Amino acid sequence: MTIDKSLRRKGRLERARNVLKRSERIEKLEFEDRWEDGQSPFGLPKVRVIKSTIGRKKKKKKEEEEGELGDEAMDVEEESE
């Protein structure tokens, strides 16, 4: 039985998945130069799936950037004097 279109969640398959389709695994192997033409598509080696975290920034970097900007602002003020 299928789910009604009105009940489907938008962007459901856009998240990172743990299991890749065979064609996706072959594409990754080709990209990594681990796939040879004529090789059997069965019994493929494992392919690592990297999950990305988007939108998270470390607080230390922000503090360092603010400190650098503060130093530059001080240099500009000293030059104007």
N, C-alpha and C. Protein backbone atom coordinates (compact mmCIF):
# COMPACT_ATOMS: atom_id res chain seq x y z
N MET A 1 0.84 -1.18 0.00
CA MET A 1 0.00 0.00 0.00
C MET A 1 0.89 1.25 0.00
N THR A 2 0.56 2.21 -0.83
CA THR A 2 1.38 3.41 -0.93
C THR A 2 0.82 4.52 -0.05
N ILE A 3 1.66 5.49 0.22
CA ILE A 3 1.26 6.61 1.07
C ILE A 3 0.69 7.72 0.17
N ASP A 4 -0.32 8.40 0.65
CA ASP A 4 -0.95 9.47 -0.10
C ASP A 4 0.02 10.63 -0.29
N LYS A 5 -0.06 11.32 -1.45
CA LYS A 5 0.86 12.42 -1.75
C LYS A 5 0.76 13.54 -0.73
N SER A 6 -0.39 13.77 -0.19
CA SER A 6 -0.56 14.85 0.78
C SER A 6 0.12 14.55 2.11
N LEU A 7 0.40 13.27 2.38
CA LEU A 7 1.03 12.89 3.64
C LEU A 7 2.54 12.73 3.53
N ARG A 8 3.07 12.81 2.32
CA ARG A 8 4.51 12.67 2.14
C ARG A 8 5.24 13.90 2.66
N ARG A 9 6.40 13.67 3.22
CA ARG A 9 7.20 14.77 3.75
C ARG A 9 8.10 15.31 2.65
N LYS A 10 8.21 16.60 2.59
CA LYS A 10 9.02 17.24 1.56
C LYS A 10 10.51 17.08 1.90
N GLY A 11 11.31 16.74 0.90
CA GLY A 11 12.75 16.63 1.10
C GLY A 11 13.16 15.43 1.92
N ARG A 12 12.39 14.39 1.89
CA ARG A 12 12.66 13.23 2.74
C ARG A 12 13.96 12.52 2.35
N LEU A 13 14.27 12.42 1.07
CA LEU A 13 15.47 11.70 0.64
C LEU A 13 16.66 12.62 0.45
N GLU A 14 16.57 13.86 0.84
CA GLU A 14 17.68 14.79 0.68
C GLU A 14 18.72 14.66 1.79
N ARG A 15 18.39 13.99 2.85
CA ARG A 15 19.35 13.84 3.95
C ARG A 15 20.37 12.76 3.61
N ALA A 16 21.43 12.69 4.36
CA ALA A 16 22.48 11.70 4.14
C ALA A 16 21.96 10.31 4.48
N ARG A 17 22.31 9.35 3.65
CA ARG A 17 21.87 7.97 3.86
C ARG A 17 23.08 7.10 4.18
N ASN A 18 22.84 6.06 4.94
CA ASN A 18 23.92 5.14 5.30
C ASN A 18 24.17 4.11 4.21
N VAL A 19 23.15 3.79 3.42
CA VAL A 19 23.25 2.75 2.41
C VAL A 19 23.12 3.38 1.04
N LEU A 20 24.09 3.09 0.17
CA LEU A 20 24.05 3.61 -1.19
C LEU A 20 23.54 2.54 -2.15
N LYS A 21 22.94 2.97 -3.25
CA LYS A 21 22.55 2.04 -4.30
C LYS A 21 23.80 1.56 -5.01
N ARG A 22 23.68 0.44 -5.71
CA ARG A 22 24.83 -0.15 -6.38
C ARG A 22 25.44 0.85 -7.37
N SER A 23 24.60 1.56 -8.11
CA SER A 23 25.11 2.53 -9.10
C SER A 23 25.86 3.67 -8.41
N GLU A 24 25.37 4.11 -7.24
CA GLU A 24 26.04 5.17 -6.49
C GLU A 24 27.40 4.69 -5.97
N ARG A 25 27.46 3.43 -5.53
CA ARG A 25 28.72 2.88 -5.05
C ARG A 25 29.74 2.79 -6.18
N ILE A 26 29.27 2.40 -7.37
CA ILE A 26 30.18 2.30 -8.52
C ILE A 26 30.69 3.69 -8.89
N GLU A 27 29.81 4.71 -8.85
CA GLU A 27 30.24 6.08 -9.14
C GLU A 27 31.33 6.53 -8.17
N LYS A 28 31.15 6.25 -6.88
CA LYS A 28 32.16 6.63 -5.88
C LYS A 28 33.47 5.90 -6.12
N LEU A 29 33.38 4.61 -6.46
CA LEU A 29 34.59 3.83 -6.72
C LEU A 29 35.32 4.37 -7.95
N GLU A 30 34.57 4.78 -8.99
CA GLU A 30 35.19 5.36 -10.17
C GLU A 30 35.88 6.67 -9.81
N PHE A 31 35.25 7.47 -8.97
CA PHE A 31 35.82 8.74 -8.55
C PHE A 31 37.12 8.53 -7.79
N GLU A 32 37.18 7.46 -6.99
CA GLU A 32 38.36 7.15 -6.18
C GLU A 32 39.37 6.30 -6.96
N ASP A 33 39.12 6.03 -8.24
CA ASP A 33 39.99 5.20 -9.08
C ASP A 33 40.16 3.80 -8.53
N ARG A 34 39.10 3.26 -7.95
CA ARG A 34 39.13 1.90 -7.43
C ARG A 34 38.27 0.96 -8.28
N TRP A 35 37.70 1.45 -9.38
CA TRP A 35 36.82 0.67 -10.24
C TRP A 35 37.50 0.46 -11.59
N GLU A 36 37.50 -0.78 -12.05
CA GLU A 36 38.07 -1.12 -13.35
C GLU A 36 36.92 -1.53 -14.27
N ASP A 37 37.00 -1.12 -15.55
CA ASP A 37 35.98 -1.51 -16.52
C ASP A 37 35.98 -3.03 -16.67
N GLY A 38 34.80 -3.60 -16.78
CA GLY A 38 34.68 -5.04 -16.93
C GLY A 38 34.62 -5.77 -15.60
N GLN A 39 34.75 -5.06 -14.50
CA GLN A 39 34.69 -5.66 -13.16
C GLN A 39 33.24 -6.04 -12.86
N SER A 40 33.04 -7.10 -12.12
CA SER A 40 31.70 -7.54 -11.76
C SER A 40 31.05 -6.55 -10.79
N PRO A 41 29.77 -6.19 -11.03
CA PRO A 41 29.10 -5.27 -10.12
C PRO A 41 28.64 -5.93 -8.82
N PHE A 42 28.88 -7.22 -8.69
CA PHE A 42 28.50 -7.94 -7.48
C PHE A 42 29.70 -8.06 -6.55
N GLY A 43 29.47 -8.01 -5.27
CA GLY A 43 30.55 -8.12 -4.29
C GLY A 43 31.44 -6.90 -4.29
N LEU A 44 30.84 -5.73 -4.38
CA LEU A 44 31.61 -4.48 -4.39
C LEU A 44 32.26 -4.23 -3.03
N PRO A 45 33.41 -3.58 -3.02
CA PRO A 45 34.04 -3.22 -1.74
C PRO A 45 33.22 -2.14 -1.04
N LYS A 46 33.46 -2.00 0.25
CA LYS A 46 32.74 -1.00 1.02
C LYS A 46 33.14 0.41 0.60
N VAL A 47 32.18 1.32 0.66
CA VAL A 47 32.41 2.72 0.32
C VAL A 47 31.97 3.55 1.50
N ARG A 48 32.85 4.42 1.95
CA ARG A 48 32.53 5.25 3.11
C ARG A 48 31.59 6.38 2.72
N VAL A 49 30.56 6.57 3.53
CA VAL A 49 29.60 7.65 3.31
C VAL A 49 29.91 8.75 4.31
N ILE A 50 30.23 9.93 3.80
CA ILE A 50 30.59 11.05 4.67
C ILE A 50 29.36 11.91 4.89
N LYS A 51 29.02 12.08 6.15
CA LYS A 51 27.89 12.94 6.50
C LYS A 51 28.42 14.34 6.74
N SER A 52 27.76 15.31 6.15
CA SER A 52 28.22 16.69 6.33
C SER A 52 27.34 17.40 7.34
N THR A 53 27.95 18.23 8.14
CA THR A 53 27.20 19.06 9.08
C THR A 53 27.26 20.48 8.56
N ILE A 54 26.12 21.00 8.21
CA ILE A 54 26.06 22.32 7.61
C ILE A 54 25.53 23.31 8.64
N GLY A 55 26.14 24.48 8.68
CA GLY A 55 25.63 25.55 9.51
C GLY A 55 26.18 25.62 10.92
N ARG A 56 27.05 24.71 11.27
CA ARG A 56 27.63 24.76 12.61
C ARG A 56 29.01 25.38 12.55
N LYS A 57 29.22 26.42 13.33
CA LYS A 57 30.52 27.06 13.40
C LYS A 57 30.99 27.05 14.84
N LYS A 58 32.27 26.95 15.01
CA LYS A 58 32.83 26.93 16.35
C LYS A 58 32.89 28.34 16.89
N LYS A 59 32.69 28.47 18.18
CA LYS A 59 32.73 29.78 18.81
C LYS A 59 34.14 30.36 18.82
N LYS A 60 35.15 29.51 18.92
CA LYS A 60 36.53 29.97 18.97
C LYS A 60 36.90 30.73 17.70
N LYS A 61 36.46 30.24 16.56
CA LYS A 61 36.77 30.91 15.31
C LYS A 61 36.15 32.30 15.28
N LYS A 62 34.92 32.42 15.75
CA LYS A 62 34.26 33.72 15.77
C LYS A 62 35.02 34.69 16.67
N GLU A 63 35.45 34.23 17.83
CA GLU A 63 36.18 35.08 18.76
C GLU A 63 37.52 35.51 18.17
N GLU A 64 38.20 34.59 17.48
CA GLU A 64 39.48 34.92 16.85
C GLU A 64 39.29 35.95 15.75
N GLU A 65 38.22 35.78 14.95
CA GLU A 65 37.95 36.73 13.86
C GLU A 65 37.66 38.11 14.43
N GLU A 66 36.88 38.15 15.50
CA GLU A 66 36.56 39.44 16.12
C GLU A 66 37.83 40.09 16.66
N GLY A 67 38.72 39.29 17.22
CA GLY A 67 39.98 39.80 17.74
C GLY A 67 40.84 40.35 16.62
N GLU A 68 40.88 39.65 15.49
CA GLU A 68 41.66 40.12 14.34
C GLU A 68 41.07 41.42 13.80
N LEU A 69 39.75 41.47 13.71
CA LEU A 69 39.11 42.68 13.21
C LEU A 69 39.36 43.84 14.17
N GLY A 70 39.38 43.55 15.45
CA GLY A 70 39.66 44.58 16.43
C GLY A 70 41.07 45.12 16.28
N ASP A 71 42.03 44.24 16.00
CA ASP A 71 43.41 44.67 15.79
C ASP A 71 43.54 45.53 14.54
N GLU A 72 42.83 45.16 13.49
CA GLU A 72 42.88 45.94 12.25
C GLU A 72 42.27 47.32 12.47
N ALA A 73 41.20 47.37 13.23
CA ALA A 73 40.56 48.65 13.51
C ALA A 73 41.51 49.54 14.31
N MET A 74 42.26 48.95 15.23
CA MET A 74 43.23 49.71 16.02
C MET A 74 44.33 50.26 15.12
N ASP A 75 44.78 49.44 14.14
CA ASP A 75 45.83 49.89 13.22
C ASP A 75 45.35 51.08 12.39
N VAL A 76 44.11 51.03 11.96
CA VAL A 76 43.56 52.12 11.14
C VAL A 76 43.48 53.39 11.98
N GLU A 77 43.09 53.27 13.23
CA GLU A 77 42.98 54.44 14.11
C GLU A 77 44.38 55.05 14.36
N GLU A 78 45.40 54.21 14.54
CA GLU A 78 46.74 54.69 14.78
C GLU A 78 47.29 55.41 13.56
N GLU A 79 46.99 54.91 12.37
CA GLU A 79 47.47 55.54 11.15
C GLU A 79 46.84 56.90 10.93
N SER A 80 45.58 57.06 11.34
CA SER A 80 44.88 58.31 11.13
C SER A 80 45.39 59.41 12.08
N GLU A 81 46.00 59.05 13.17
CA GLU A 81 46.50 60.03 14.14
C GLU A 81 47.70 60.68 13.67
